[in-house]
Amino acid sequence: MFNGATAFNKPLPNWHFAIIPGSSEMANMFSSASAFDQDISSWIVTKALTQPASFNVGTQMASKPAFQPKWGV
């Protein structure tokens, strides 16, 4: 969705991913979105048991675990 969006850094609060058969739908969602460092810990991602592969690789957010959603919770 935001893959490669190098200038994107806007808040994205309160998203609810209720229907996610597997985490692959979110794979690479922010990959290479290098400026993105927003707190998305409020996202509801209960159907995705683990963080999707390359979800946030290459982002500022990748180094901020507290900003990550709580996968499978």
Protein backbone atom coordinates (compact mmCIF):
# COMPACT_ATOMS: atom_id res chain seq x y z
CA MET A 1 0.00 0.00 0.00
CA PHE A 2 2.73 2.49 0.97
CA ASN A 3 5.60 0.45 -0.48
CA GLY A 4 8.31 2.76 -1.80
CA ALA A 5 6.50 5.95 -0.76
CA THR A 6 9.75 7.67 0.25
CA ALA A 7 8.19 11.02 1.22
CA PHE A 8 5.09 9.69 3.01
CA ASN A 9 4.98 10.32 6.77
CA LYS A 10 1.41 11.06 7.83
CA PRO A 11 -0.46 9.64 10.84
CA LEU A 12 -2.58 6.54 10.18
CA PRO A 13 -4.38 5.96 13.49
CA ASN A 14 -7.09 3.44 14.32
CA TRP A 15 -7.06 1.11 11.33
CA HIS A 16 -8.87 -2.18 11.88
CA PHE A 17 -7.85 -5.10 9.71
CA ALA A 18 -10.68 -7.46 10.65
CA ILE A 19 -10.48 -9.83 7.69
CA ILE A 20 -6.97 -11.00 7.00
CA PRO A 21 -6.87 -14.68 6.04
CA GLY A 22 -3.07 -14.59 6.27
CA SER A 23 -0.47 -11.96 6.86
CA SER A 24 0.62 -11.95 3.21
CA GLU A 25 -1.94 -9.24 2.42
CA MET A 26 0.15 -6.82 4.50
CA ALA A 27 3.58 -7.99 3.33
CA ASN A 28 5.72 -5.08 2.16
CA MET A 29 3.01 -2.60 3.20
CA PHE A 30 5.57 0.02 4.23
CA SER A 31 8.69 -1.54 2.68
CA SER A 32 11.09 1.18 1.50
CA ALA A 33 8.78 3.94 2.74
CA SER A 34 11.94 5.42 4.22
CA ALA A 35 10.45 8.56 5.81
CA PHE A 36 7.58 6.79 7.58
CA ASP A 37 7.97 6.72 11.37
CA GLN A 38 4.42 7.12 12.67
CA ASP A 39 3.05 5.24 15.67
CA ILE A 40 0.66 2.57 14.37
CA SER A 41 0.56 0.58 17.61
CA SER A 42 -3.20 1.22 17.87
CA TRP A 43 -3.91 -0.78 14.69
CA ILE A 44 -6.05 -3.85 15.28
CA VAL A 45 -4.36 -6.73 13.48
CA THR A 46 -5.67 -9.69 15.48
CA LYS A 47 -6.03 -11.95 12.44
CA ALA A 48 -2.37 -11.62 11.48
CA LEU A 49 -0.55 -13.84 13.97
CA THR A 50 2.92 -12.53 13.10
CA GLN A 51 4.34 -9.46 11.44
CA PRO A 52 4.22 -9.98 7.66
CA ALA A 53 7.53 -10.40 5.87
CA SER A 54 9.15 -7.08 4.94
CA PHE A 55 6.20 -5.15 6.44
CA ASN A 56 8.40 -2.21 7.41
CA VAL A 57 11.87 -2.93 5.98
CA GLY A 58 13.66 0.30 5.13
CA THR A 59 11.47 2.55 7.29
CA GLN A 60 12.28 4.72 10.29
CA MET A 61 9.49 2.86 12.08
CA ALA A 62 11.44 -0.42 11.83
CA SER A 63 13.75 0.71 14.64
CA LYS A 64 10.83 1.68 16.92
CA PRO A 65 9.19 -1.54 18.23
CA ALA A 66 6.76 0.47 20.39
CA PHE A 67 5.31 1.99 17.19
CA GLN A 68 4.45 -1.46 15.75
CA PRO A 69 1.00 -3.08 15.91
CA LYS A 70 0.56 -5.92 18.37
CA TRP A 71 0.32 -8.85 15.96
CA GLY A 72 -2.21 -11.55 16.85
CA VAL A 73 -3.31 -9.85 20.09
